[in-house]
């Protein structure tokens, strides 16, 4: 992967069928990891019913139900936590506006 900085991306309320077994794929740079990724209310399946997740150098968190599981998603290291920790490993959950 190339060294492109990807940060503060939100994936919210996504459902559907993936043609690929890796329904969620974060193939981020080893030198410049993706950071502050936020996933909420995701439900992805495959035709066979079993969807998978792939992560490389991806840092973020989930909120609510996320299928398939994003256990491979890294959380922020405590050494990067600011003095005003929000309980999410230094990554502040974005404010969500719903109507």
PDB file of N, CA and C in Angstrom:
ATOM      1  N   UNK A   1       0.846  -1.196   0.000  1.00  0.00           N
ATOM      2  CA  UNK A   1       0.000   0.000   0.000  1.00  0.00           C
ATOM      3  C   UNK A   1       0.878   1.241   0.000  1.00  0.00           C
ATOM      4  N   UNK A   2       0.394   2.296  -0.585  1.00  0.00           N
ATOM      5  CA  UNK A   2       1.149   3.544  -0.622  1.00  0.00           C
ATOM      6  C   UNK A   2       0.863   4.368   0.625  1.00  0.00           C
ATOM      7  N   UNK A   3       1.666   5.392   0.848  1.00  0.00           N
ATOM      8  CA  UNK A   3       1.568   6.191   2.064  1.00  0.00           C
ATOM      9  C   UNK A   3       0.607   7.368   1.892  1.00  0.00           C
ATOM     10  N   UNK A   4      -0.673   7.080   1.832  1.00  0.00           N
ATOM     11  CA  UNK A   4      -1.706   8.103   1.758  1.00  0.00           C
ATOM     12  C   UNK A   4      -2.394   8.156   3.107  1.00  0.00           C
ATOM     13  N   UNK A   5      -2.544   9.337   3.674  1.00  0.00           N
ATOM     14  CA  UNK A   5      -3.159   9.480   4.986  1.00  0.00           C
ATOM     15  C   UNK A   5      -4.685   9.467   4.870  1.00  0.00           C
ATOM     16  N   UNK A   6      -5.311   8.515   5.560  1.00  0.00           N
ATOM     17  CA  UNK A   6      -6.768   8.427   5.607  1.00  0.00           C
ATOM     18  C   UNK A   6      -7.174   8.554   7.068  1.00  0.00           C
ATOM     19  N   UNK A   7      -8.038   9.516   7.385  1.00  0.00           N
ATOM     20  CA  UNK A   7      -8.414   9.758   8.774  1.00  0.00           C
ATOM     21  C   UNK A   7      -9.823  10.334   8.852  1.00  0.00           C
ATOM     22  N   UNK A   8     -10.473  10.077   9.973  1.00  0.00           N
ATOM     23  CA  UNK A   8     -11.792  10.623  10.292  1.00  0.00           C
ATOM     24  C   UNK A   8     -12.838  10.254   9.242  1.00  0.00           C
ATOM     25  N   UNK A   9     -12.969   8.952   8.982  1.00  0.00           N
ATOM     26  CA  UNK A   9     -13.959   8.457   8.034  1.00  0.00           C
ATOM     27  C   UNK A   9     -15.041   7.719   8.809  1.00  0.00           C
ATOM     28  N   UNK A  10     -16.300   8.018   8.527  1.00  0.00           N
ATOM     29  CA  UNK A  10     -17.422   7.385   9.212  1.00  0.00           C
ATOM     30  C   UNK A  10     -18.217   6.529   8.238  1.00  0.00           C
ATOM     31  N   UNK A  11     -18.513   5.306   8.678  1.00  0.00           N
ATOM     32  CA  UNK A  11     -19.378   4.386   7.929  1.00  0.00           C
ATOM     33  C   UNK A  11     -20.595   4.143   8.814  1.00  0.00           C
ATOM     34  N   UNK A  12     -21.748   4.645   8.422  1.00  0.00           N
ATOM     35  CA  UNK A  12     -22.928   4.605   9.280  1.00  0.00           C
ATOM     36  C   UNK A  12     -24.137   4.085   8.499  1.00  0.00           C
ATOM     37  N   UNK A  13     -24.905   3.176   9.120  1.00  0.00           N
ATOM     38  CA  UNK A  13     -26.147   2.648   8.558  1.00  0.00           C
ATOM     39  C   UNK A  13     -25.959   2.074   7.153  1.00  0.00           C
ATOM     40  N   UNK A  14     -25.094   1.070   7.061  1.00  0.00           N
ATOM     41  CA  UNK A  14     -24.826   0.423   5.773  1.00  0.00           C
ATOM     42  C   UNK A  14     -25.268  -1.032   5.857  1.00  0.00           C
ATOM     43  N   UNK A  15     -26.041  -1.481   4.883  1.00  0.00           N
ATOM     44  CA  UNK A  15     -26.440  -2.886   4.837  1.00  0.00           C
ATOM     45  C   UNK A  15     -26.476  -3.328   3.382  1.00  0.00           C
ATOM     46  N   UNK A  16     -26.273  -4.628   3.187  1.00  0.00           N
ATOM     47  CA  UNK A  16     -26.314  -5.141   1.830  1.00  0.00           C
ATOM     48  C   UNK A  16     -25.556  -6.439   1.702  1.00  0.00           C
ATOM     49  N   UNK A  17     -25.313  -6.824   0.441  1.00  0.00           N
ATOM     50  CA  UNK A  17     -24.620  -8.067   0.122  1.00  0.00           C
ATOM     51  C   UNK A  17     -23.331  -7.743  -0.604  1.00  0.00           C
ATOM     52  N   UNK A  18     -22.247  -8.354  -0.133  1.00  0.00           N
ATOM     53  CA  UNK A  18     -20.936  -8.166  -0.743  1.00  0.00           C
ATOM     54  C   UNK A  18     -20.660  -9.280  -1.734  1.00  0.00           C
ATOM     55  N   UNK A  19     -20.075  -8.945  -2.868  1.00  0.00           N
ATOM     56  CA  UNK A  19     -19.673  -9.962  -3.838  1.00  0.00           C
ATOM     57  C   UNK A  19     -18.384 -10.639  -3.395  1.00  0.00           C
ATOM     58  N   UNK A  20     -17.634  -9.964  -2.542  1.00  0.00           N
ATOM     59  CA  UNK A  20     -16.361 -10.473  -2.049  1.00  0.00           C
ATOM     60  C   UNK A  20     -16.534 -11.064  -0.650  1.00  0.00           C
ATOM     61  N   UNK A  21     -15.729 -12.062  -0.310  1.00  0.00           N
ATOM     62  CA  UNK A  21     -15.775 -12.632   1.039  1.00  0.00           C
ATOM     63  C   UNK A  21     -15.374 -11.584   2.074  1.00  0.00           C
ATOM     64  N   UNK A  22     -14.427 -10.689   1.705  1.00  0.00           N
ATOM     65  CA  UNK A  22     -14.038  -9.592   2.591  1.00  0.00           C
ATOM     66  C   UNK A  22     -15.006  -8.429   2.379  1.00  0.00           C
ATOM     67  N   UNK A  23     -16.088  -8.441   3.123  1.00  0.00           N
ATOM     68  CA  UNK A  23     -17.105  -7.400   2.970  1.00  0.00           C
ATOM     69  C   UNK A  23     -16.610  -6.057   3.489  1.00  0.00           C
ATOM     70  N   UNK A  24     -15.721  -6.092   4.476  1.00  0.00           N
ATOM     71  CA  UNK A  24     -15.099  -4.880   5.005  1.00  0.00           C
ATOM     72  C   UNK A  24     -13.603  -5.062   4.848  1.00  0.00           C
ATOM     73  N   UNK A  25     -12.955  -4.116   4.157  1.00  0.00           N
ATOM     74  CA  UNK A  25     -11.517  -4.249   3.914  1.00  0.00           C
ATOM     75  C   UNK A  25     -10.833  -2.907   4.123  1.00  0.00           C
ATOM     76  N   UNK A  26      -9.955  -2.862   5.110  1.00  0.00           N
ATOM     77  CA  UNK A  26      -9.138  -1.684   5.373  1.00  0.00           C
ATOM     78  C   UNK A  26      -7.694  -2.067   5.088  1.00  0.00           C
ATOM     79  N   UNK A  27      -7.222  -1.814   3.887  1.00  0.00           N
ATOM     80  CA  UNK A  27      -5.850  -2.125   3.481  1.00  0.00           C
ATOM     81  C   UNK A  27      -5.043  -0.829   3.533  1.00  0.00           C
ATOM     82  N   UNK A  28      -4.679  -0.444   4.738  1.00  0.00           N
ATOM     83  CA  UNK A  28      -4.014   0.837   4.958  1.00  0.00           C
ATOM     84  C   UNK A  28      -2.494   0.675   4.930  1.00  0.00           C
ATOM     85  N   UNK A  29      -1.801   1.789   4.800  1.00  0.00           N
ATOM     86  CA  UNK A  29      -0.351   1.812   4.703  1.00  0.00           C
ATOM     87  C   UNK A  29       0.303   1.432   6.030  1.00  0.00           C
ATOM     88  N   UNK A  30       1.375   0.643   5.955  1.00  0.00           N
ATOM     89  CA  UNK A  30       2.134   0.314   7.161  1.00  0.00           C
ATOM     90  C   UNK A  30       2.842   1.542   7.714  1.00  0.00           C
ATOM     91  N   UNK A  31       3.222   2.469   6.852  1.00  0.00           N
ATOM     92  CA  UNK A  31       3.936   3.661   7.305  1.00  0.00           C
ATOM     93  C   UNK A  31       3.004   4.788   7.752  1.00  0.00           C
ATOM     94  N   UNK A  32       1.811   4.859   7.162  1.00  0.00           N
ATOM     95  CA  UNK A  32       0.825   5.875   7.555  1.00  0.00           C
ATOM     96  C   UNK A  32      -0.514   5.167   7.733  1.00  0.00           C
ATOM     97  N   UNK A  33      -0.771   4.628   8.943  1.00  0.00           N
ATOM     98  CA  UNK A  33      -2.013   3.878   9.165  1.00  0.00           C
ATOM     99  C   UNK A  33      -3.262   4.745   8.989  1.00  0.00           C
ATOM    100  N   UNK A  34      -4.374   4.112   8.652  1.00  0.00           N
ATOM    101  CA  UNK A  34      -5.673   4.791   8.669  1.00  0.00           C
ATOM    102  C   UNK A  34      -6.017   5.028  10.133  1.00  0.00           C
ATOM    103  N   UNK A  35      -6.612   6.159  10.443  1.00  0.00           N
ATOM    104  CA  UNK A  35      -6.923   6.454  11.841  1.00  0.00           C
ATOM    105  C   UNK A  35      -8.295   7.093  11.977  1.00  0.00           C
ATOM    106  N   UNK A  36      -8.816   6.997  13.175  1.00  0.00           N
ATOM    107  CA  UNK A  36     -10.120   7.578  13.519  1.00  0.00           C
ATOM    108  C   UNK A  36     -11.229   7.085  12.593  1.00  0.00           C
ATOM    109  N   UNK A  37     -11.213   5.776  12.310  1.00  0.00           N
ATOM    110  CA  UNK A  37     -12.291   5.161  11.539  1.00  0.00           C
ATOM    111  C   UNK A  37     -13.445   4.894  12.491  1.00  0.00           C
ATOM    112  N   UNK A  38     -14.662   5.125  12.058  1.00  0.00           N
ATOM    113  CA  UNK A  38     -15.853   4.969  12.893  1.00  0.00           C
ATOM    114  C   UNK A  38     -16.876   4.156  12.125  1.00  0.00           C
ATOM    115  N   UNK A  39     -17.298   3.028  12.703  1.00  0.00           N
ATOM    116  CA  UNK A  39     -18.309   2.175  12.077  1.00  0.00           C
ATOM    117  C   UNK A  39     -19.506   2.053  13.008  1.00  0.00           C
ATOM    118  N   UNK A  40     -20.702   2.264  12.490  1.00  0.00           N
ATOM    119  CA  UNK A  40     -21.919   2.164  13.293  1.00  0.00           C
ATOM    120  C   UNK A  40     -23.052   1.581  12.463  1.00  0.00           C
ATOM    121  N   UNK A  41     -23.737   0.606  13.037  1.00  0.00           N
ATOM    122  CA  UNK A  41     -24.917   0.011  12.411  1.00  0.00           C
ATOM    123  C   UNK A  41     -24.631  -0.490  10.998  1.00  0.00           C
ATOM    124  N   UNK A  42     -23.718  -1.451  10.918  1.00  0.00           N
ATOM    125  CA  UNK A  42     -23.317  -2.054   9.645  1.00  0.00           C
ATOM    126  C   UNK A  42     -23.824  -3.490   9.617  1.00  0.00           C
ATOM    127  N   UNK A  43     -24.422  -3.908   8.501  1.00  0.00           N
ATOM    128  CA  UNK A  43     -24.878  -5.289   8.335  1.00  0.00           C
ATOM    129  C   UNK A  43     -24.609  -5.719   6.898  1.00  0.00           C
ATOM    130  N   UNK A  44     -23.483  -6.423   6.708  1.00  0.00           N
ATOM    131  CA  UNK A  44     -23.096  -6.884   5.386  1.00  0.00           C
ATOM    132  C   UNK A  44     -23.026  -8.406   5.370  1.00  0.00           C
ATOM    133  N   UNK A  45     -23.567  -9.006   4.337  1.00  0.00           N
ATOM    134  CA  UNK A  45     -23.571 -10.456   4.158  1.00  0.00           C
ATOM    135  C   UNK A  45     -22.942 -10.769   2.798  1.00  0.00           C
ATOM    136  N   UNK A  46     -22.723 -12.048   2.546  1.00  0.00           N
ATOM    137  CA  UNK A  46     -22.335 -12.504   1.211  1.00  0.00           C
ATOM    138  C   UNK A  46     -23.410 -13.469   0.742  1.00  0.00           C
ATOM    139  N   UNK A  47     -23.349 -13.872  -0.511  1.00  0.00           N
ATOM    140  CA  UNK A  47     -24.324 -14.841  -1.019  1.00  0.00           C
ATOM    141  C   UNK A  47     -24.275 -16.141  -0.226  1.00  0.00           C
ATOM    142  N   UNK A  48     -23.072 -16.510   0.243  1.00  0.00           N
ATOM    143  CA  UNK A  48     -22.940 -17.728   1.049  1.00  0.00           C
ATOM    144  C   UNK A  48     -23.351 -17.484   2.502  1.00  0.00           C
ATOM    145  N   UNK A  49     -23.558 -16.212   2.858  1.00  0.00           N
ATOM    146  CA  UNK A  49     -23.997 -15.874   4.206  1.00  0.00           C
ATOM    147  C   UNK A  49     -22.887 -15.507   5.161  1.00  0.00           C
ATOM    148  N   UNK A  50     -21.629 -15.873   4.839  1.00  0.00           N
ATOM    149  CA  UNK A  50     -20.517 -15.610   5.738  1.00  0.00           C
ATOM    150  C   UNK A  50     -19.632 -14.506   5.181  1.00  0.00           C
ATOM    151  N   UNK A  51     -19.671 -13.349   5.805  1.00  0.00           N
ATOM    152  CA  UNK A  51     -18.830 -12.232   5.392  1.00  0.00           C
ATOM    153  C   UNK A  51     -17.652 -12.119   6.355  1.00  0.00           C
ATOM    154  N   UNK A  52     -16.536 -11.612   5.842  1.00  0.00           N
ATOM    155  CA  UNK A  52     -15.326 -11.478   6.639  1.00  0.00           C
ATOM    156  C   UNK A  52     -14.829 -10.043   6.596  1.00  0.00           C
ATOM    157  N   UNK A  53     -13.851  -9.761   7.464  1.00  0.00           N
ATOM    158  CA  UNK A  53     -13.244  -8.440   7.538  1.00  0.00           C
ATOM    159  C   UNK A  53     -11.736  -8.577   7.426  1.00  0.00           C
ATOM    160  N   UNK A  54     -11.106  -7.666   6.704  1.00  0.00           N
ATOM    161  CA  UNK A  54      -9.651  -7.620   6.604  1.00  0.00           C
ATOM    162  C   UNK A  54      -9.183  -6.239   7.033  1.00  0.00           C
ATOM    163  N   UNK A  55      -8.185  -6.194   7.924  1.00  0.00           N
ATOM    164  CA  UNK A  55      -7.616  -4.921   8.355  1.00  0.00           C
ATOM    165  C   UNK A  55      -6.095  -4.983   8.302  1.00  0.00           C
ATOM    166  N   UNK A  56      -5.487  -3.943   7.776  1.00  0.00           N
ATOM    167  CA  UNK A  56      -4.046  -3.766   7.844  1.00  0.00           C
ATOM    168  C   UNK A  56      -3.788  -2.327   8.252  1.00  0.00           C
ATOM    169  N   UNK A  57      -3.195  -2.128   9.405  1.00  0.00           N
ATOM    170  CA  UNK A  57      -2.836  -0.795   9.907  1.00  0.00           C
ATOM    171  C   UNK A  57      -4.042   0.138   9.964  1.00  0.00           C
ATOM    172  N   UNK A  58      -5.148  -0.356  10.499  1.00  0.00           N
ATOM    173  CA  UNK A  58      -6.382   0.437  10.607  1.00  0.00           C
ATOM    174  C   UNK A  58      -6.729   0.648  12.078  1.00  0.00           C
ATOM    175  N   UNK A  59      -6.930   1.908  12.457  1.00  0.00           N
ATOM    176  CA  UNK A  59      -7.211   2.276  13.843  1.00  0.00           C
ATOM    177  C   UNK A  59      -8.568   2.965  13.898  1.00  0.00           C
ATOM    178  N   UNK A  60      -9.421   2.511  14.800  1.00  0.00           N
ATOM    179  CA  UNK A  60     -10.737   3.124  14.934  1.00  0.00           C
ATOM    180  C   UNK A  60     -11.582   2.373  15.924  1.00  0.00           C
ATOM    181  N   UNK A  61     -12.889   2.527  15.822  1.00  0.00           N
ATOM    182  CA  UNK A  61     -13.792   1.842  16.743  1.00  0.00           C
ATOM    183  C   UNK A  61     -15.163   1.681  16.131  1.00  0.00           C
ATOM    184  N   UNK A  62     -15.939   0.807  16.770  1.00  0.00           N
ATOM    185  CA  UNK A  62     -17.308   0.567  16.319  1.00  0.00           C
ATOM    186  C   UNK A  62     -18.282   1.041  17.382  1.00  0.00           C
ATOM    187  N   UNK A  63     -19.496   1.288  16.939  1.00  0.00           N
ATOM    188  CA  UNK A  63     -20.564   1.705  17.838  1.00  0.00           C
ATOM    189  C   UNK A  63     -21.825   0.994  17.382  1.00  0.00           C
ATOM    190  N   UNK A  64     -22.504   0.333  18.283  1.00  0.00           N
ATOM    191  CA  UNK A  64     -23.700  -0.408  17.912  1.00  0.00           C
ATOM    192  C   UNK A  64     -23.333  -1.716  17.247  1.00  0.00           C
ATOM    193  N   UNK A  65     -24.208  -2.206  16.402  1.00  0.00           N
ATOM    194  CA  UNK A  65     -24.018  -3.489  15.740  1.00  0.00           C
ATOM    195  C   UNK A  65     -23.185  -3.321  14.465  1.00  0.00           C
ATOM    196  N   UNK A  66     -22.135  -4.141  14.343  1.00  0.00           N
ATOM    197  CA  UNK A  66     -21.321  -4.151  13.133  1.00  0.00           C
ATOM    198  C   UNK A  66     -21.109  -5.605  12.732  1.00  0.00           C
ATOM    199  N   UNK A  67     -21.681  -5.994  11.575  1.00  0.00           N
ATOM    200  CA  UNK A  67     -21.578  -7.349  11.034  1.00  0.00           C
ATOM    201  C   UNK A  67     -21.060  -7.243   9.616  1.00  0.00           C
ATOM    202  N   UNK A  68     -19.936  -7.903   9.287  1.00  0.00           N
ATOM    203  CA  UNK A  68     -19.164  -8.804  10.125  1.00  0.00           C
ATOM    204  C   UNK A  68     -18.369  -8.033  11.180  1.00  0.00           C
ATOM    205  N   UNK A  69     -17.922  -8.760  12.186  1.00  0.00           N
ATOM    206  CA  UNK A  69     -17.176  -8.168  13.287  1.00  0.00           C
ATOM    207  C   UNK A  69     -15.906  -7.490  12.785  1.00  0.00           C
ATOM    208  N   UNK A  70     -15.534  -6.400  13.420  1.00  0.00           N
ATOM    209  CA  UNK A  70     -14.304  -5.688  13.067  1.00  0.00           C
ATOM    210  C   UNK A  70     -13.268  -5.843  14.176  1.00  0.00           C
ATOM    211  N   UNK A  71     -13.110  -7.076  14.662  1.00  0.00           N
ATOM    212  CA  UNK A  71     -12.138  -7.346  15.717  1.00  0.00           C
ATOM    213  C   UNK A  71     -10.715  -7.015  15.282  1.00  0.00           C
ATOM    214  N   UNK A  72     -10.457  -7.008  13.982  1.00  0.00           N
ATOM    215  CA  UNK A  72      -9.118  -6.695  13.485  1.00  0.00           C
ATOM    216  C   UNK A  72      -8.818  -5.199  13.543  1.00  0.00           C
ATOM    217  N   UNK A  73      -9.828  -4.372  13.751  1.00  0.00           N
ATOM    218  CA  UNK A  73      -9.636  -2.928  13.825  1.00  0.00           C
ATOM    219  C   UNK A  73      -8.927  -2.594  15.131  1.00  0.00           C
ATOM    220  N   UNK A  74      -7.802  -1.896  15.052  1.00  0.00           N
ATOM    221  CA  UNK A  74      -7.039  -1.541  16.236  1.00  0.00           C
ATOM    222  C   UNK A  74      -7.658  -0.335  16.917  1.00  0.00           C
ATOM    223  N   UNK A  75      -7.548  -0.290  18.229  1.00  0.00           N
ATOM    224  CA  UNK A  75      -7.970   0.903  18.960  1.00  0.00           C
ATOM    225  C   UNK A  75      -6.737   1.743  19.212  1.00  0.00           C
ATOM    226  N   UNK A  76      -6.934   3.025  19.489  1.00  0.00           N
ATOM    227  CA  UNK A  76      -5.805   3.925  19.713  1.00  0.00           C
ATOM    228  C   UNK A  76      -5.023   3.479  20.934  1.00  0.00           C
ATOM    229  N   UNK A  77      -3.712   3.527  20.824  1.00  0.00           N
ATOM    230  CA  UNK A  77      -2.832   3.161  21.932  1.00  0.00           C
ATOM    231  C   UNK A  77      -2.968   4.188  23.049  1.00  0.00           C
ATOM    232  N   UNK A  78      -2.899   3.747  24.301  1.00  0.00           N
ATOM    233  CA  UNK A  78      -3.063   4.649  25.432  1.00  0.00           C
ATOM    234  C   UNK A  78      -1.999   5.740  25.442  1.00  0.00           C
ATOM    235  N   UNK A  79      -0.846   5.497  24.819  1.00  0.00           N
ATOM    236  CA  UNK A  79       0.187   6.524  24.787  1.00  0.00           C
ATOM    237  C   UNK A  79      -0.230   7.707  23.909  1.00  0.00           C
ATOM    238  N   UNK A  80      -1.240   7.509  23.063  1.00  0.00           N
ATOM    239  CA  UNK A  80      -1.736   8.593  22.221  1.00  0.00           C
ATOM    240  C   UNK A  80      -2.956   9.272  22.821  1.00  0.00           C
ATOM    241  N   UNK A  81      -3.382   8.839  24.005  1.00  0.00           N
ATOM    242  CA  UNK A  81      -4.577   9.389  24.630  1.00  0.00           C
ATOM    243  C   UNK A  81      -4.293  10.780  25.173  1.00  0.00           C
ATOM    244  N   UNK A  82      -5.164  11.706  24.898  1.00  0.00           N
ATOM    245  CA  UNK A  82      -4.989  13.062  25.399  1.00  0.00           C
ATOM    246  C   UNK A  82      -5.373  13.132  26.873  1.00  0.00           C
ATOM    247  N   UNK A  83      -5.061  14.258  27.510  1.00  0.00           N
ATOM    248  CA  UNK A  83      -5.425  14.455  28.910  1.00  0.00           C
ATOM    249  C   UNK A  83      -6.928  14.397  29.105  1.00  0.00           C
ATOM    250  N   UNK A  84      -7.666  14.722  28.087  1.00  0.00           N
ATOM    251  CA  UNK A  84      -9.124  14.737  28.156  1.00  0.00           C
ATOM    252  C   UNK A  84      -9.669  13.467  27.525  1.00  0.00           C
ATOM    253  N   UNK A  85      -9.283  12.336  28.072  1.00  0.00           N
ATOM    254  CA  UNK A  85      -9.700  11.054  27.512  1.00  0.00           C
ATOM    255  C   UNK A  85     -11.212  10.933  27.540  1.00  0.00           C
ATOM    256  N   UNK A  86     -11.744  10.367  26.481  1.00  0.00           N
ATOM    257  CA  UNK A  86     -13.188  10.199  26.375  1.00  0.00           C
ATOM    258  C   UNK A  86     -13.609   8.756  26.572  1.00  0.00           C
ATOM    259  N   UNK A  87     -12.662   7.891  26.973  1.00  0.00           N
ATOM    260  CA  UNK A  87     -12.987   6.492  27.188  1.00  0.00           C
ATOM    261  C   UNK A  87     -12.935   5.653  25.921  1.00  0.00           C
ATOM    262  N   UNK A  88     -12.580   6.245  24.792  1.00  0.00           N
ATOM    263  CA  UNK A  88     -12.482   5.507  23.530  1.00  0.00           C
ATOM    264  C   UNK A  88     -11.043   5.421  23.065  1.00  0.00           C
ATOM    265  N   UNK A  89     -10.097   5.352  24.009  1.00  0.00           N
ATOM    266  CA  UNK A  89      -8.703   5.234  23.643  1.00  0.00           C
ATOM    267  C   UNK A  89      -8.169   6.460  22.934  1.00  0.00           C
ATOM    268  N   UNK A  90      -8.713   7.622  23.262  1.00  0.00           N
ATOM    269  CA  UNK A  90      -8.230   8.856  22.668  1.00  0.00           C
ATOM    270  C   UNK A  90      -8.934   9.243  21.383  1.00  0.00           C
ATOM    271  N   UNK A  91      -9.794   8.383  20.884  1.00  0.00           N
ATOM    272  CA  UNK A  91     -10.541   8.711  19.668  1.00  0.00           C
ATOM    273  C   UNK A  91     -11.922   9.176  20.094  1.00  0.00           C
ATOM    274  N   UNK A  92     -12.238  10.404  19.792  1.00  0.00           N
ATOM    275  CA  UNK A  92     -13.540  10.929  20.186  1.00  0.00           C
ATOM    276  C   UNK A  92     -14.597  10.502  19.193  1.00  0.00           C
ATOM    277  N   UNK A  93     -15.689   9.993  19.720  1.00  0.00           N
ATOM    278  CA  UNK A  93     -16.796   9.583  18.863  1.00  0.00           C
ATOM    279  C   UNK A  93     -17.419  10.827  18.259  1.00  0.00           C
ATOM    280  N   UNK A  94     -17.591  10.848  16.942  1.00  0.00           N
ATOM    281  CA  UNK A  94     -18.215  12.017  16.323  1.00  0.00           C
ATOM    282  C   UNK A  94     -19.648  12.190  16.791  1.00  0.00           C
ATOM    283  N   UNK A  95     -20.067  13.425  16.858  1.00  0.00           N
ATOM    284  CA  UNK A  95     -21.453  13.711  17.216  1.00  0.00           C
ATOM    285  C   UNK A  95     -22.316  13.309  16.031  1.00  0.00           C
ATOM    286  N   UNK A  96     -23.359  12.545  16.318  1.00  0.00           N
ATOM    287  CA  UNK A  96     -24.234  12.077  15.249  1.00  0.00           C
ATOM    288  C   UNK A  96     -25.530  12.861  15.277  1.00  0.00           C
ATOM    289  N   UNK A  97     -25.905  13.380  14.133  1.00  0.00           N
ATOM    290  CA  UNK A  97     -27.158  14.109  14.002  1.00  0.00           C
ATOM    291  C   UNK A  97     -28.175  13.197  13.338  1.00  0.00           C
ATOM    292  N   UNK A  98     -29.276  12.981  14.001  1.00  0.00           N
ATOM    293  CA  UNK A  98     -30.347  12.178  13.401  1.00  0.00           C
ATOM    294  C   UNK A  98     -31.622  12.983  13.447  1.00  0.00           C
ATOM    295  N   UNK A  99     -32.466  12.751  12.462  1.00  0.00           N
ATOM    296  CA  UNK A  99     -33.739  13.479  12.419  1.00  0.00           C
ATOM    297  C   UNK A  99     -34.878  12.505  12.539  1.00  0.00           C
TER     298      UNK A  99
END
